[in-house]
Protein backbone atom coordinates (compact mmCIF):
# COMPACT_ATOMS: atom_id res chain seq x y z
CA MET A 1 88.79 58.01 -40.45
CA ILE A 2 87.95 54.42 -39.64
CA ASP A 3 88.18 53.13 -36.08
CA PHE A 4 88.83 49.39 -36.24
CA PHE A 5 87.72 48.83 -32.64
CA HIS A 6 84.25 50.25 -33.33
CA LEU A 7 84.03 48.69 -36.78
CA SER A 8 84.59 45.30 -35.20
CA ARG A 9 82.48 45.75 -32.09
CA GLU A 10 79.54 46.99 -34.17
CA HIS A 11 79.95 44.13 -36.67
CA GLU A 12 80.39 46.48 -39.60
CA ASP A 13 81.62 45.15 -42.93
CA PRO A 14 85.38 45.68 -43.43
CA ALA A 15 84.56 46.41 -47.08
CA ILE A 16 83.79 49.94 -45.92
CA VAL A 17 87.50 50.50 -46.45
CA VAL A 18 87.03 50.07 -50.19
CA ARG A 19 83.95 52.27 -50.30
CA ALA A 20 85.72 55.02 -48.32
CA ALA A 21 89.07 54.71 -50.11
CA SER A 22 89.10 58.13 -51.75
CA ARG A 23 88.29 59.86 -48.45
CA LEU A 24 90.23 57.68 -46.02
CA ARG A 25 93.13 59.46 -44.32
CA HIS A 26 93.45 57.89 -40.87
CA ILE A 27 92.95 54.53 -39.14
CA HIS A 28 92.60 53.92 -35.42
CA LEU A 29 93.63 50.40 -34.50
CA ALA A 30 93.08 48.30 -31.38
CA ASN A 31 92.50 44.67 -30.57
CA PRO A 32 88.72 44.63 -30.03
CA GLU A 33 89.16 42.04 -27.29
CA GLY A 34 89.87 44.47 -24.47
CA ARG A 35 90.76 47.52 -26.58
CA VAL A 36 94.43 46.77 -26.07
CA PHE A 37 97.43 47.03 -28.36
CA PRO A 38 97.28 44.57 -31.25
CA LEU A 39 100.24 42.28 -30.59
CA ALA A 40 99.86 39.14 -32.70
CA TYR A 41 98.22 38.64 -36.06
CA ASP A 42 96.44 35.50 -34.89
CA GLU A 43 94.94 37.04 -31.72
CA TYR A 44 91.98 38.42 -33.70
CA ASP A 45 90.68 38.17 -37.27
CA TYR A 46 92.42 41.27 -38.62
CA GLU A 47 92.87 39.85 -42.14
CA PRO A 48 89.63 41.01 -43.82
CA PHE A 49 90.29 44.58 -42.72
CA PHE A 50 93.95 44.62 -43.71
CA ALA A 51 93.21 42.85 -46.99
CA ASN A 52 90.99 45.77 -47.91
CA LEU A 53 93.68 48.26 -46.89
CA ARG A 54 96.17 46.42 -49.10
CA ASN A 55 93.64 46.35 -51.96
CA ILE A 56 93.34 50.14 -51.93
CA ALA A 57 97.11 50.57 -51.40
CA TYR A 58 96.44 52.54 -48.21
CA ASP A 59 99.49 54.62 -47.29
CA GLN A 60 98.11 57.18 -44.87
CA ARG A 61 98.17 57.39 -41.08
CA ILE A 62 97.50 54.52 -38.69
CA SER A 63 97.50 55.09 -34.95
CA ILE A 64 97.15 52.64 -32.12
CA GLU A 65 94.24 53.80 -29.98
CA ALA A 66 94.42 51.25 -27.21
CA SER A 67 95.60 50.47 -23.71
CA THR A 68 98.89 48.96 -22.67
CA THR A 69 100.72 48.46 -19.42
CA ASP A 70 104.11 48.21 -21.15
CA LEU A 71 104.54 50.64 -24.05
CA GLN A 72 108.21 49.80 -24.56
CA ARG A 73 107.32 46.14 -25.11
CA ASP A 74 103.95 46.50 -26.85
CA GLY A 75 104.70 49.48 -29.10
CA PRO A 76 107.25 47.72 -31.31
CA ARG A 77 105.08 44.59 -31.49
CA ALA A 78 102.05 46.60 -32.61
CA ILE A 79 104.10 48.41 -35.25
CA ALA A 80 105.48 45.10 -36.51
CA LEU A 81 101.95 43.68 -36.75
CA VAL A 82 100.76 46.64 -38.82
CA ARG A 83 103.78 46.47 -41.12
CA ARG A 84 103.33 42.74 -41.62
CA ALA A 85 99.60 43.12 -42.22
CA LEU A 86 100.20 45.76 -44.88
CA GLY A 87 103.02 43.78 -46.48
CA ARG A 88 105.79 46.22 -45.58
């Protein structure tokens, strides 16, 4: 499992995705700026991380582990961001 919030906050290299590819089964995702739902692709530099997920053809679980005050609004936006980022 890779937790994007901690990966980012601890300045870890997103290339860990490639090194962990054969063992990777789950991703936790949050916007590191406030640990909130990721809502827009340009709100944070998600691209290096998602580029690595695309490179390994990641097709396992991704969960949003973040705060929101409006799940009905933010949930679909976060799902759309993930789908866009993975090219789906």
